[in-house]
Amino acid sequence: MAWDVRDDHDQYGLARQLQQRHRSRWLVMWGPGSRAYFAFYRGQAHVFPLSAPTGQQLHRQILRTEAALASPAPTGWNCPDPCCSWTLTQPAFHHCPQRPT
């Protein structure tokens, strides 16, 4: 059976709803070949395109991305172990060097 645009009427409709919900900040599309939704950020920040198999998952990704864009830039994080020089913008699991004996 060949694919027809009418087969994905609901998916295209949901993509339009997401587009309207997020106004001009995002370009939202349904990809019939990939069977996934895509969102492209239209702002000044560099944001990788988002994709998800459901509209709800894409909506959550958009909200998380917007929250991250709105939060202040991290000031940095240093490992509390005085023998470790590990530094990142956010805390992360890592292996500290062994303490001298």
Foldseek 3Di string as FASTA:
>chain_A
DDDDPVVCVVVQVLQVVLCVVVDPQWRWGQDPVVCKIWIDGDDDDDDDIDIDNDSVVSSVVVVVVVVVVPDDQAPKDADPPPQAGDIDSDDDDDDGDDDDD
